[in-house]
Amino acid sequence: MIEYEKFEKVLQSGWFILGNRVKQFETEFANYTGAKYCLGVASGLDALELAIQALDLEKGSEIIVPSNTYIATILAVLNNGHTPVFAEPDEYTYNISPESIKKQITGKTKAVLVVHLYGKACQMDEILNICKEHKLFLLEDCAQSHGAMFKGQQTGTFGDIAAFSFYPTKNLGALGDSGAVTTNNLAFYERIQKLRNYGSSVKYYNEFIGTNSRLDEVQAAFLSIKLKSLDQITAHKRKLATIYLENLSSAFKLPQVHPDFFDVYHIFNILHPERNKLREYLLENGIKTEIHYPVAPHKQQAMAHMNHESYPISEHIHNCTLSLPISTIHSENDVWKVVEIMNKF
């Protein structure tokens, strides 16, 4: 098979770090998203950290982030020595609300970091206007939104810099940890290119205090192969989502559908007040589900200094959310079975 032939070529080449396969994937993924530049890195968290580091902000700067997100988004801010300021999500899309962003802007605010959660884009036109008005950098966490669009434009192309994860469960997943940064800004591209490689562009000569975060050749070769099928993967997941959307009982709060958004359903999440009982019931009937995520970031033990804060919309989502089966290995029949069993709950 052609896939095995490509891996064999990588092995025979003896070049495993920052070679031609990485360059090829970077070009292909930039072209796919519509971004000018792409850089492969070791993980989604590294992509976020490098994106923030490239802004070269004064330590202790405030970066507005959603209160409903995976903890990696928050860690990237903290690990850069900055202060995450939480903004509540919209109660229908579960993504950061433009109105809540406005409320959190202070004199110390330097950037907004949006997260296109579950495979749905944020309301980028309003958010862009806010950032422009207040002269704020705009970063995008696209870990779950490969191919997702807002008004026909792909996520990862709105802000100054965007971060992607290719963790194996993502719609575009690798064989292990890996990620990428996209940008339309040449200066940011060149800076991150050095930062990911010990702060160096010429071997053994270091311009910045950088890190070692490089997409390897094997992962890049695999991602190039899988990228060709990403639209097919998306179409399959959207078909499964349609079955859920059109047939699940109104007892479950379902994802919002709107013509401005092209959703890729990395996760199909529903809300239900008896989430834990529902999950147990489904497991008893042979259906495994997940919770993305059971604990809001500000309630994590690692964030003890934030535990006293209250973000009721986010907390409600975390208490009620349940992710239903919607992977590439699930068939339409599988989803119909889930629908049938859930509607009896």
C-alpha atoms as a PDB file:
ATOM      1  CA  MET A   1       0.000   0.000   0.000  1.00  0.00           C
ATOM      2  CA  ILE A   2       1.125   3.561  -0.731  1.00  0.00           C
ATOM      3  CA  GLU A   3       0.948   4.468   2.981  1.00  0.00           C
ATOM      4  CA  TYR A   4       3.483   1.788   3.916  1.00  0.00           C
ATOM      5  CA  GLU A   5       5.707   2.812   0.995  1.00  0.00           C
ATOM      6  CA  LYS A   6       5.853   6.371   2.348  1.00  0.00           C
ATOM      7  CA  PHE A   7       6.785   5.186   5.824  1.00  0.00           C
ATOM      8  CA  GLU A   8       9.458   2.933   4.337  1.00  0.00           C
ATOM      9  CA  LYS A   9      10.917   5.924   2.494  1.00  0.00           C
ATOM     10  CA  VAL A  10      11.042   7.915   5.729  1.00  0.00           C
ATOM     11  CA  LEU A  11      12.847   5.079   7.488  1.00  0.00           C
ATOM     12  CA  GLN A  12      15.303   4.570   4.641  1.00  0.00           C
ATOM     13  CA  SER A  13      16.067   8.282   4.396  1.00  0.00           C
ATOM     14  CA  GLY A  14      17.511   8.361   7.919  1.00  0.00           C
ATOM     15  CA  TRP A  15      16.187  11.923   8.309  1.00  0.00           C
ATOM     16  CA  PHE A  16      13.593  12.054  11.101  1.00  0.00           C
ATOM     17  CA  ILE A  17      13.498  15.693  12.315  1.00  0.00           C
ATOM     18  CA  LEU A  18      12.543  18.798  10.259  1.00  0.00           C
ATOM     19  CA  GLY A  19      12.982  17.196   6.866  1.00  0.00           C
ATOM     20  CA  ASN A  20      11.096  17.256   3.587  1.00  0.00           C
ATOM     21  CA  ARG A  21       8.007  15.477   4.959  1.00  0.00           C
ATOM     22  CA  VAL A  22       7.516  18.185   7.566  1.00  0.00           C
ATOM     23  CA  LYS A  23       7.939  20.910   4.940  1.00  0.00           C
ATOM     24  CA  GLN A  24       5.468  19.092   2.681  1.00  0.00           C
ATOM     25  CA  PHE A  25       2.825  18.781   5.392  1.00  0.00           C
ATOM     26  CA  GLU A  26       3.300  22.384   6.495  1.00  0.00           C
ATOM     27  CA  THR A  27       2.650  23.533   2.933  1.00  0.00           C
ATOM     28  CA  GLU A  28      -0.338  21.212   2.511  1.00  0.00           C
ATOM     29  CA  PHE A  29      -1.954  22.189   5.800  1.00  0.00           C
ATOM     30  CA  ALA A  30      -1.422  25.913   5.177  1.00  0.00           C
ATOM     31  CA  ASN A  31      -3.084  25.482   1.789  1.00  0.00           C
ATOM     32  CA  TYR A  32      -5.939  23.503   3.321  1.00  0.00           C
ATOM     33  CA  THR A  33      -6.735  26.094   5.985  1.00  0.00           C
ATOM     34  CA  GLY A  34      -6.063  29.091   3.780  1.00  0.00           C
ATOM     35  CA  ALA A  35      -3.276  30.402   6.022  1.00  0.00           C
ATOM     36  CA  LYS A  36      -0.045  31.761   4.537  1.00  0.00           C
ATOM     37  CA  TYR A  37       2.268  29.897   6.904  1.00  0.00           C
ATOM     38  CA  CYS A  38       2.267  26.694   8.942  1.00  0.00           C
ATOM     39  CA  LEU A  39       4.830  25.257  11.340  1.00  0.00           C
ATOM     40  CA  GLY A  40       4.689  21.707  12.690  1.00  0.00           C
ATOM     41  CA  VAL A  41       5.390  21.308  16.418  1.00  0.00           C
ATOM     42  CA  ALA A  42       5.384  18.521  18.978  1.00  0.00           C
ATOM     43  CA  SER A  43       1.888  18.984  20.475  1.00  0.00           C
ATOM     44  CA  GLY A  44      -1.162  21.201  20.652  1.00  0.00           C
ATOM     45  CA  LEU A  45      -0.038  22.618  24.009  1.00  0.00           C
ATOM     46  CA  ASP A  46       3.340  23.510  22.523  1.00  0.00           C
ATOM     47  CA  ALA A  47       1.563  25.220  19.640  1.00  0.00           C
ATOM     48  CA  LEU A  48      -0.402  27.369  22.101  1.00  0.00           C
ATOM     49  CA  GLU A  49       2.648  28.173  24.212  1.00  0.00           C
ATOM     50  CA  LEU A  50       4.757  29.137  21.197  1.00  0.00           C
ATOM     51  CA  ALA A  51       1.943  31.279  19.797  1.00  0.00           C
ATOM     52  CA  ILE A  52       1.756  33.251  23.049  1.00  0.00           C
ATOM     53  CA  GLN A  53       5.535  33.430  23.389  1.00  0.00           C
ATOM     54  CA  ALA A  54       5.829  34.866  19.886  1.00  0.00           C
ATOM     55  CA  LEU A  55       3.732  37.877  20.918  1.00  0.00           C
ATOM     56  CA  ASP A  56       6.569  38.901  23.268  1.00  0.00           C
ATOM     57  CA  LEU A  57       4.180  40.364  25.848  1.00  0.00           C
ATOM     58  CA  GLU A  58       5.250  41.909  29.123  1.00  0.00           C
ATOM     59  CA  LYS A  59       5.155  39.291  31.902  1.00  0.00           C
ATOM     60  CA  GLY A  60       1.919  39.351  33.845  1.00  0.00           C
ATOM     61  CA  SER A  61      -0.156  40.532  30.893  1.00  0.00           C
ATOM     62  CA  GLU A  62      -3.824  39.563  30.945  1.00  0.00           C
ATOM     63  CA  ILE A  63      -5.099  37.220  28.243  1.00  0.00           C
ATOM     64  CA  ILE A  64      -8.842  36.664  28.022  1.00  0.00           C
ATOM     65  CA  VAL A  65      -9.772  32.990  27.666  1.00  0.00           C
ATOM     66  CA  PRO A  66     -13.063  31.060  27.756  1.00  0.00           C
ATOM     67  CA  SER A  67     -14.205  29.704  31.102  1.00  0.00           C
ATOM     68  CA  ASN A  68     -15.407  26.609  29.218  1.00  0.00           C
ATOM     69  CA  THR A  69     -12.367  24.925  27.706  1.00  0.00           C
ATOM     70  CA  TYR A  70      -9.778  22.179  28.149  1.00  0.00           C
ATOM     71  CA  ILE A  71      -7.074  23.039  30.662  1.00  0.00           C
ATOM     72  CA  ALA A  72      -4.343  23.182  27.990  1.00  0.00           C
ATOM     73  CA  THR A  73      -5.638  26.593  26.942  1.00  0.00           C
ATOM     74  CA  ILE A  74      -5.111  27.920  30.473  1.00  0.00           C
ATOM     75  CA  LEU A  75      -1.752  26.205  30.970  1.00  0.00           C
ATOM     76  CA  ALA A  76      -0.362  27.866  27.860  1.00  0.00           C
ATOM     77  CA  VAL A  77      -1.102  31.284  29.359  1.00  0.00           C
ATOM     78  CA  LEU A  78       0.254  30.427  32.809  1.00  0.00           C
ATOM     79  CA  ASN A  79       3.388  28.744  31.444  1.00  0.00           C
ATOM     80  CA  ASN A  80       4.219  31.985  29.631  1.00  0.00           C
ATOM     81  CA  GLY A  81       3.989  33.953  32.864  1.00  0.00           C
ATOM     82  CA  HIS A  82       0.723  35.691  32.029  1.00  0.00           C
ATOM     83  CA  THR A  83      -2.661  35.932  33.724  1.00  0.00           C
ATOM     84  CA  PRO A  84      -5.696  34.103  32.281  1.00  0.00           C
ATOM     85  CA  VAL A  85      -8.910  36.101  32.640  1.00  0.00           C
ATOM     86  CA  PHE A  86     -12.043  34.007  32.157  1.00  0.00           C
ATOM     87  CA  ALA A  87     -14.959  35.074  29.984  1.00  0.00           C
ATOM     88  CA  GLU A  88     -18.213  33.112  30.003  1.00  0.00           C
ATOM     89  CA  PRO A  89     -19.419  31.164  26.965  1.00  0.00           C
ATOM     90  CA  ASP A  90     -22.534  31.768  24.925  1.00  0.00           C
ATOM     91  CA  GLU A  91     -25.173  29.418  26.344  1.00  0.00           C
ATOM     92  CA  TYR A  92     -26.144  28.149  22.873  1.00  0.00           C
ATOM     93  CA  THR A  93     -22.783  27.603  21.143  1.00  0.00           C
ATOM     94  CA  TYR A  94     -20.775  26.967  24.362  1.00  0.00           C
ATOM     95  CA  ASN A  95     -18.001  29.083  22.851  1.00  0.00           C
ATOM     96  CA  ILE A  96     -16.681  32.324  24.324  1.00  0.00           C
ATOM     97  CA  SER A  97     -19.250  35.108  24.183  1.00  0.00           C
ATOM     98  CA  PRO A  98     -18.227  38.405  22.536  1.00  0.00           C
ATOM     99  CA  GLU A  99     -20.252  40.288  25.151  1.00  0.00           C
ATOM    100  CA  SER A 100     -18.424  38.540  27.987  1.00  0.00           C
ATOM    101  CA  ILE A 101     -15.078  39.416  26.384  1.00  0.00           C
ATOM    102  CA  LYS A 102     -15.976  43.109  26.481  1.00  0.00           C
ATOM    103  CA  LYS A 103     -16.734  42.919  30.203  1.00  0.00           C
ATOM    104  CA  GLN A 104     -13.310  41.478  31.020  1.00  0.00           C
ATOM    105  CA  ILE A 105     -11.106  43.982  29.197  1.00  0.00           C
ATOM    106  CA  THR A 106      -8.846  46.060  31.462  1.00  0.00           C
ATOM    107  CA  GLY A 107      -5.769  48.198  31.004  1.00  0.00           C
ATOM    108  CA  LYS A 108      -3.644  45.053  31.409  1.00  0.00           C
ATOM    109  CA  THR A 109      -5.434  43.075  28.678  1.00  0.00           C
ATOM    110  CA  LYS A 110      -3.107  42.358  25.773  1.00  0.00           C
ATOM    111  CA  ALA A 111      -4.756  39.459  23.922  1.00  0.00           C
ATOM    112  CA  VAL A 112      -7.863  37.341  23.477  1.00  0.00           C
ATOM    113  CA  LEU A 113      -7.448  33.577  23.110  1.00  0.00           C
ATOM    114  CA  VAL A 114     -10.589  32.002  21.642  1.00  0.00           C
ATOM    115  CA  VAL A 115     -11.278  28.254  21.569  1.00  0.00           C
ATOM    116  CA  HIS A 116     -13.340  26.765  18.750  1.00  0.00           C
ATOM    117  CA  LEU A 117     -14.726  24.075  21.038  1.00  0.00           C
ATOM    118  CA  TYR A 118     -16.264  20.739  19.975  1.00  0.00           C
ATOM    119  CA  GLY A 119     -15.713  21.549  16.276  1.00  0.00           C
ATOM    120  CA  LYS A 120     -17.745  24.785  16.138  1.00  0.00           C
ATOM    121  CA  ALA A 121     -16.191  28.137  15.291  1.00  0.00           C
ATOM    122  CA  CYS A 122     -16.606  31.159  17.538  1.00  0.00           C
ATOM    123  CA  GLN A 123     -18.473  34.304  16.430  1.00  0.00           C
ATOM    124  CA  MET A 124     -15.387  35.694  14.790  1.00  0.00           C
ATOM    125  CA  ASP A 125     -16.731  38.872  13.188  1.00  0.00           C
ATOM    126  CA  GLU A 126     -17.754  40.358  16.537  1.00  0.00           C
ATOM    127  CA  ILE A 127     -14.596  39.152  18.248  1.00  0.00           C
ATOM    128  CA  LEU A 128     -12.388  40.626  15.511  1.00  0.00           C
ATOM    129  CA  ASN A 129     -14.103  43.978  15.911  1.00  0.00           C
ATOM    130  CA  ILE A 130     -13.531  43.919  19.679  1.00  0.00           C
ATOM    131  CA  CYS A 131      -9.826  43.128  19.258  1.00  0.00           C
ATOM    132  CA  LYS A 132      -9.418  45.824  16.627  1.00  0.00           C
ATOM    133  CA  GLU A 133     -11.200  48.427  18.741  1.00  0.00           C
ATOM    134  CA  HIS A 134      -9.091  47.706  21.833  1.00  0.00           C
ATOM    135  CA  LYS A 135      -5.838  46.961  19.949  1.00  0.00           C
ATOM    136  CA  LEU A 136      -5.625  43.400  21.274  1.00  0.00           C
ATOM    137  CA  PHE A 137      -3.833  40.410  19.774  1.00  0.00           C
ATOM    138  CA  LEU A 138      -6.173  37.603  18.731  1.00  0.00           C
ATOM    139  CA  LEU A 139      -5.111  33.968  19.166  1.00  0.00           C
ATOM    140  CA  GLU A 140      -7.117  30.905  18.117  1.00  0.00           C
ATOM    141  CA  ASP A 141      -7.111  27.488  19.792  1.00  0.00           C
ATOM    142  CA  CYS A 142      -8.145  25.214  16.921  1.00  0.00           C
ATOM    143  CA  ALA A 143      -7.372  21.906  18.621  1.00  0.00           C
ATOM    144  CA  GLN A 144     -10.909  20.651  17.924  1.00  0.00           C
ATOM    145  CA  SER A 145     -11.828  22.585  14.790  1.00  0.00           C
ATOM    146  CA  HIS A 146      -9.907  21.251  11.798  1.00  0.00           C
ATOM    147  CA  GLY A 147     -11.931  22.403   8.787  1.00  0.00           C
ATOM    148  CA  ALA A 148     -14.604  24.219  10.804  1.00  0.00           C
ATOM    149  CA  MET A 149     -15.757  27.514   9.301  1.00  0.00           C
ATOM    150  CA  PHE A 150     -17.481  30.745  10.251  1.00  0.00           C
ATOM    151  CA  LYS A 151     -19.214  32.457   7.324  1.00  0.00           C
ATOM    152  CA  GLY A 152     -17.151  30.431   4.862  1.00  0.00           C
ATOM    153  CA  GLN A 153     -13.742  31.152   6.424  1.00  0.00           C
ATOM    154  CA  GLN A 154     -11.760  28.416   8.128  1.00  0.00           C
ATOM    155  CA  THR A 155     -10.741  28.590  11.752  1.00  0.00           C
ATOM    156  CA  GLY A 156      -7.043  29.270  12.122  1.00  0.00           C
ATOM    157  CA  THR A 157      -7.081  32.171   9.655  1.00  0.00           C
ATOM    158  CA  PHE A 158      -8.879  34.906  11.620  1.00  0.00           C
ATOM    159  CA  GLY A 159      -6.382  35.848  14.307  1.00  0.00           C
ATOM    160  CA  ASP A 160      -2.716  36.754  14.558  1.00  0.00           C
ATOM    161  CA  ILE A 161      -1.675  33.163  15.308  1.00  0.00           C
ATOM    162  CA  ALA A 162      -3.581  29.869  15.613  1.00  0.00           C
ATOM    163  CA  ALA A 163      -2.693  26.599  17.341  1.00  0.00           C
ATOM    164  CA  PHE A 164      -3.757  23.116  16.218  1.00  0.00           C
ATOM    165  CA  SER A 165      -3.514  19.739  17.917  1.00  0.00           C
ATOM    166  CA  PHE A 166      -3.177  16.459  16.008  1.00  0.00           C
ATOM    167  CA  TYR A 167      -3.721  14.222  19.031  1.00  0.00           C
ATOM    168  CA  PRO A 168      -4.869  10.805  17.709  1.00  0.00           C
ATOM    169  CA  THR A 169      -8.569  11.340  18.539  1.00  0.00           C
ATOM    170  CA  LYS A 170      -8.817  14.612  16.596  1.00  0.00           C
ATOM    171  CA  ASN A 171     -10.536  14.697  13.212  1.00  0.00           C
ATOM    172  CA  LEU A 172      -7.037  15.063  11.772  1.00  0.00           C
ATOM    173  CA  GLY A 173      -5.175  12.866  14.193  1.00  0.00           C
ATOM    174  CA  ALA A 174      -1.572  11.644  14.113  1.00  0.00           C
ATOM    175  CA  LEU A 175      -0.016   8.465  15.517  1.00  0.00           C
ATOM    176  CA  GLY A 176       0.884  10.297  18.717  1.00  0.00           C
ATOM    177  CA  ASP A 177       1.249  13.828  20.026  1.00  0.00           C
ATOM    178  CA  SER A 178       1.826  16.541  17.448  1.00  0.00           C
ATOM    179  CA  GLY A 179       0.544  19.978  16.554  1.00  0.00           C
ATOM    180  CA  ALA A 180       0.938  23.008  14.325  1.00  0.00           C
ATOM    181  CA  VAL A 181       0.876  26.780  14.325  1.00  0.00           C
ATOM    182  CA  THR A 182      -0.645  28.798  11.476  1.00  0.00           C
ATOM    183  CA  THR A 183      -0.343  32.523  10.826  1.00  0.00           C
ATOM    184  CA  ASN A 184      -0.528  35.099   8.051  1.00  0.00           C
ATOM    185  CA  ASN A 185       2.185  37.196   9.713  1.00  0.00           C
ATOM    186  CA  LEU A 186       5.704  36.652   8.384  1.00  0.00           C
ATOM    187  CA  ALA A 187       7.391  38.052  11.517  1.00  0.00           C
ATOM    188  CA  PHE A 188       5.470  35.661  13.806  1.00  0.00           C
ATOM    189  CA  TYR A 189       6.198  32.765  11.440  1.00  0.00           C
ATOM    190  CA  GLU A 190       9.938  33.439  11.467  1.00  0.00           C
ATOM    191  CA  ARG A 191      10.035  33.905  15.239  1.00  0.00           C
ATOM    192  CA  ILE A 192       8.152  30.655  15.977  1.00  0.00           C
ATOM    193  CA  GLN A 193      10.292  28.816  13.436  1.00  0.00           C
ATOM    194  CA  LYS A 194      13.283  29.662  15.618  1.00  0.00           C
ATOM    195  CA  LEU A 195      11.549  29.275  18.975  1.00  0.00           C
ATOM    196  CA  ARG A 196      10.521  25.674  18.226  1.00  0.00           C
ATOM    197  CA  ASN A 197      14.150  24.808  17.431  1.00  0.00           C
ATOM    198  CA  TYR A 198      16.050  26.030  20.518  1.00  0.00           C
ATOM    199  CA  GLY A 199      15.690  29.651  19.360  1.00  0.00           C
ATOM    200  CA  SER A 200      17.905  28.894  16.377  1.00  0.00           C
ATOM    201  CA  SER A 201      17.763  29.190  12.596  1.00  0.00           C
ATOM    202  CA  VAL A 202      21.415  28.318  12.046  1.00  0.00           C
ATOM    203  CA  LYS A 203      22.658  25.168  13.773  1.00  0.00           C
ATOM    204  CA  TYR A 204      24.494  25.868  17.034  1.00  0.00           C
ATOM    205  CA  TYR A 205      23.718  29.615  16.876  1.00  0.00           C
ATOM    206  CA  ASN A 206      20.815  30.690  19.113  1.00  0.00           C
ATOM    207  CA  GLU A 207      19.043  34.040  18.841  1.00  0.00           C
ATOM    208  CA  PHE A 208      16.318  33.414  21.444  1.00  0.00           C
ATOM    209  CA  ILE A 209      15.692  31.278  24.503  1.00  0.00           C
ATOM    210  CA  GLY A 210      13.648  28.680  22.667  1.00  0.00           C
ATOM    211  CA  THR A 211      12.526  25.116  23.163  1.00  0.00           C
ATOM    212  CA  ASN A 212      12.590  21.752  21.430  1.00  0.00           C
ATOM    213  CA  SER A 213       9.167  21.313  19.853  1.00  0.00           C
ATOM    214  CA  ARG A 214       9.367  19.869  16.363  1.00  0.00           C
ATOM    215  CA  LEU A 215       6.974  17.742  14.362  1.00  0.00           C
ATOM    216  CA  ASP A 216       8.866  14.609  13.369  1.00  0.00           C
ATOM    217  CA  GLU A 217       9.025  13.163   9.870  1.00  0.00           C
ATOM    218  CA  VAL A 218       6.976  10.029  10.611  1.00  0.00           C
ATOM    219  CA  GLN A 219       4.071  12.024  12.022  1.00  0.00           C
ATOM    220  CA  ALA A 220       4.266  14.502   9.138  1.00  0.00           C
ATOM    221  CA  ALA A 221       4.163  11.714   6.552  1.00  0.00           C
ATOM    222  CA  PHE A 222       1.121  10.169   8.238  1.00  0.00           C
ATOM    223  CA  LEU A 223      -0.644  13.521   8.527  1.00  0.00           C
ATOM    224  CA  SER A 224      -0.065  14.237   4.823  1.00  0.00           C
ATOM    225  CA  ILE A 225      -1.768  10.961   3.990  1.00  0.00           C
ATOM    226  CA  LYS A 226      -4.683  11.567   6.360  1.00  0.00           C
ATOM    227  CA  LEU A 227      -5.147  15.198   5.313  1.00  0.00           C
ATOM    228  CA  LYS A 228      -6.315  13.961   1.923  1.00  0.00           C
ATOM    229  CA  SER A 229      -9.233  12.241   3.693  1.00  0.00           C
ATOM    230  CA  LEU A 230     -10.109  15.033   6.138  1.00  0.00           C
ATOM    231  CA  ASP A 231     -13.063  16.311   4.126  1.00  0.00           C
ATOM    232  CA  GLN A 232     -14.386  12.744   3.884  1.00  0.00           C
ATOM    233  CA  ILE A 233     -13.968  12.314   7.651  1.00  0.00           C
ATOM    234  CA  THR A 234     -15.820  15.584   8.235  1.00  0.00           C
ATOM    235  CA  ALA A 235     -18.650  14.585   5.901  1.00  0.00           C
ATOM    236  CA  HIS A 236     -19.057  11.269   7.731  1.00  0.00           C
ATOM    237  CA  LYS A 237     -19.208  12.939  11.137  1.00  0.00           C
ATOM    238  CA  ARG A 238     -21.661  15.557   9.888  1.00  0.00           C
ATOM    239  CA  LYS A 239     -23.906  12.753   8.581  1.00  0.00           C
ATOM    240  CA  LEU A 240     -23.860  11.023  11.969  1.00  0.00           C
ATOM    241  CA  ALA A 241     -24.553  14.348  13.677  1.00  0.00           C
ATOM    242  CA  THR A 242     -27.578  14.886  11.466  1.00  0.00           C
ATOM    243  CA  ILE A 243     -29.086  11.616  12.685  1.00  0.00           C
ATOM    244  CA  TYR A 244     -28.699  12.771  16.281  1.00  0.00           C
ATOM    245  CA  LEU A 245     -29.999  16.261  15.563  1.00  0.00           C
ATOM    246  CA  GLU A 246     -33.101  15.097  13.721  1.00  0.00           C
ATOM    247  CA  ASN A 247     -34.064  12.167  15.919  1.00  0.00           C
ATOM    248  CA  LEU A 248     -33.024  12.648  19.538  1.00  0.00           C
ATOM    249  CA  SER A 249     -35.751  13.563  21.991  1.00  0.00           C
ATOM    250  CA  SER A 250     -36.250  17.189  23.022  1.00  0.00           C
ATOM    251  CA  ALA A 251     -35.340  16.031  26.554  1.00  0.00           C
ATOM    252  CA  PHE A 252     -31.716  16.505  25.492  1.00  0.00           C
ATOM    253  CA  LYS A 253     -30.228  19.908  24.717  1.00  0.00           C
ATOM    254  CA  LEU A 254     -28.506  19.470  21.366  1.00  0.00           C
ATOM    255  CA  PRO A 255     -25.795  21.486  19.603  1.00  0.00           C
ATOM    256  CA  GLN A 256     -27.071  24.587  17.860  1.00  0.00           C
ATOM    257  CA  VAL A 257     -27.117  24.592  14.058  1.00  0.00           C
ATOM    258  CA  HIS A 258     -26.892  27.891  12.166  1.00  0.00           C
ATOM    259  CA  PRO A 259     -25.992  28.678   8.536  1.00  0.00           C
ATOM    260  CA  ASP A 260     -23.101  30.946   9.631  1.00  0.00           C
ATOM    261  CA  PHE A 261     -21.327  27.934  11.133  1.00  0.00           C
ATOM    262  CA  PHE A 262     -19.880  24.901   9.347  1.00  0.00           C
ATOM    263  CA  ASP A 263     -19.458  22.420  12.215  1.00  0.00           C
ATOM    264  CA  VAL A 264     -17.065  19.480  12.002  1.00  0.00           C
ATOM    265  CA  TYR A 265     -18.278  17.702  15.180  1.00  0.00           C
ATOM    266  CA  HIS A 266     -14.975  16.655  16.657  1.00  0.00           C
ATOM    267  CA  ILE A 267     -17.282  16.063  19.623  1.00  0.00           C
ATOM    268  CA  PHE A 268     -21.067  15.728  19.597  1.00  0.00           C
ATOM    269  CA  ASN A 269     -22.089  16.928  23.030  1.00  0.00           C
ATOM    270  CA  ILE A 270     -25.529  17.123  24.569  1.00  0.00           C
ATOM    271  CA  LEU A 271     -26.649  18.571  27.886  1.00  0.00           C
ATOM    272  CA  HIS A 272     -28.882  16.769  30.352  1.00  0.00           C
ATOM    273  CA  PRO A 273     -29.539  17.587  34.030  1.00  0.00           C
ATOM    274  CA  GLU A 274     -29.119  13.915  34.992  1.00  0.00           C
ATOM    275  CA  ARG A 275     -25.955  13.448  32.983  1.00  0.00           C
ATOM    276  CA  ASN A 276     -24.344  10.888  35.288  1.00  0.00           C
ATOM    277  CA  LYS A 277     -27.455   8.687  35.414  1.00  0.00           C
ATOM    278  CA  LEU A 278     -27.781   8.938  31.630  1.00  0.00           C
ATOM    279  CA  ARG A 279     -24.159   7.922  31.194  1.00  0.00           C
ATOM    280  CA  GLU A 280     -24.582   4.895  33.470  1.00  0.00           C
ATOM    281  CA  TYR A 281     -27.777   3.912  31.641  1.00  0.00           C
ATOM    282  CA  LEU A 282     -26.042   4.067  28.260  1.00  0.00           C
ATOM    283  CA  LEU A 283     -23.078   2.041  29.519  1.00  0.00           C
ATOM    284  CA  GLU A 284     -25.475  -0.619  30.830  1.00  0.00           C
ATOM    285  CA  ASN A 285     -26.804  -0.791  27.286  1.00  0.00           C
ATOM    286  CA  GLY A 286     -23.361  -1.186  25.717  1.00  0.00           C
ATOM    287  CA  ILE A 287     -22.819   2.453  24.746  1.00  0.00           C
ATOM    288  CA  LYS A 288     -19.683   4.175  25.950  1.00  0.00           C
ATOM    289  CA  THR A 289     -19.666   7.955  26.250  1.00  0.00           C
ATOM    290  CA  GLU A 290     -17.222  10.619  27.440  1.00  0.00           C
ATOM    291  CA  ILE A 291     -17.443  13.868  29.368  1.00  0.00           C
ATOM    292  CA  HIS A 292     -15.724  16.881  27.831  1.00  0.00           C
ATOM    293  CA  TYR A 293     -15.095  18.072  30.498  1.00  0.00           C
ATOM    294  CA  PRO A 294     -16.184  17.043  34.023  1.00  0.00           C
ATOM    295  CA  VAL A 295     -14.450  19.913  35.861  1.00  0.00           C
ATOM    296  CA  ALA A 296     -14.344  23.561  34.805  1.00  0.00           C
ATOM    297  CA  PRO A 297     -10.774  24.943  34.607  1.00  0.00           C
ATOM    298  CA  HIS A 298     -11.247  27.372  37.501  1.00  0.00           C
ATOM    299  CA  LYS A 299     -12.407  24.494  39.730  1.00  0.00           C
ATOM    300  CA  GLN A 300      -9.365  22.291  39.103  1.00  0.00           C
ATOM    301  CA  GLN A 301      -7.097  21.522  42.053  1.00  0.00           C
ATOM    302  CA  ALA A 302      -4.178  22.884  40.023  1.00  0.00           C
ATOM    303  CA  MET A 303      -6.005  26.229  39.874  1.00  0.00           C
ATOM    304  CA  ALA A 304      -6.578  26.525  43.623  1.00  0.00           C
ATOM    305  CA  HIS A 305      -6.061  30.286  43.480  1.00  0.00           C
ATOM    306  CA  MET A 306      -9.115  30.499  41.194  1.00  0.00           C
ATOM    307  CA  ASN A 307     -11.415  28.005  42.952  1.00  0.00           C
ATOM    308  CA  HIS A 308     -13.359  30.779  44.666  1.00  0.00           C
ATOM    309  CA  GLU A 309     -14.361  32.363  41.343  1.00  0.00           C
ATOM    310  CA  SER A 310     -17.797  31.696  39.867  1.00  0.00           C
ATOM    311  CA  TYR A 311     -18.662  31.187  36.206  1.00  0.00           C
ATOM    312  CA  PRO A 312     -22.192  29.737  36.328  1.00  0.00           C
ATOM    313  CA  ILE A 313     -22.703  29.145  32.587  1.00  0.00           C
ATOM    314  CA  SER A 314     -19.433  27.235  32.318  1.00  0.00           C
ATOM    315  CA  GLU A 315     -20.138  25.289  35.513  1.00  0.00           C
ATOM    316  CA  HIS A 316     -23.593  24.311  34.213  1.00  0.00           C
ATOM    317  CA  ILE A 317     -22.079  23.022  30.972  1.00  0.00           C
ATOM    318  CA  HIS A 318     -19.431  21.005  32.819  1.00  0.00           C
ATOM    319  CA  ASN A 319     -22.070  19.513  35.129  1.00  0.00           C
ATOM    320  CA  CYS A 320     -24.448  18.489  32.336  1.00  0.00           C
ATOM    321  CA  THR A 321     -22.399  17.796  29.205  1.00  0.00           C
ATOM    322  CA  LEU A 322     -22.091  14.329  27.667  1.00  0.00           C
ATOM    323  CA  SER A 323     -20.250  13.393  24.467  1.00  0.00           C
ATOM    324  CA  LEU A 324     -21.945  10.799  22.268  1.00  0.00           C
ATOM    325  CA  PRO A 325     -20.259   8.317  19.885  1.00  0.00           C
ATOM    326  CA  ILE A 326     -19.335  10.064  16.615  1.00  0.00           C
ATOM    327  CA  SER A 327     -15.994   8.752  15.372  1.00  0.00           C
ATOM    328  CA  THR A 328     -14.877   7.510  11.967  1.00  0.00           C
ATOM    329  CA  ILE A 329     -15.364   3.917  13.120  1.00  0.00           C
ATOM    330  CA  HIS A 330     -19.026   4.480  14.029  1.00  0.00           C
ATOM    331  CA  SER A 331     -21.616   3.681  11.386  1.00  0.00           C
ATOM    332  CA  GLU A 332     -25.037   5.198  10.801  1.00  0.00           C
ATOM    333  CA  ASN A 333     -26.549   2.028  12.290  1.00  0.00           C
ATOM    334  CA  ASP A 334     -24.470   2.523  15.432  1.00  0.00           C
ATOM    335  CA  VAL A 335     -25.840   6.030  15.848  1.00  0.00           C
ATOM    336  CA  TRP A 336     -29.426   4.936  15.196  1.00  0.00           C
ATOM    337  CA  LYS A 337     -28.962   2.420  18.014  1.00  0.00           C
ATOM    338  CA  VAL A 338     -27.758   5.177  20.352  1.00  0.00           C
ATOM    339  CA  VAL A 339     -30.763   7.314  19.418  1.00  0.00           C
ATOM    340  CA  GLU A 340     -33.199   4.477  20.062  1.00  0.00           C
ATOM    341  CA  ILE A 341     -31.746   3.686  23.477  1.00  0.00           C
ATOM    342  CA  MET A 342     -31.408   7.320  24.543  1.00  0.00           C
ATOM    343  CA  ASN A 343     -34.998   8.156  23.657  1.00  0.00           C
ATOM    344  CA  LYS A 344     -36.117   5.450  26.120  1.00  0.00           C
ATOM    345  CA  PHE A 345     -34.231   7.065  28.993  1.00  0.00           C
END
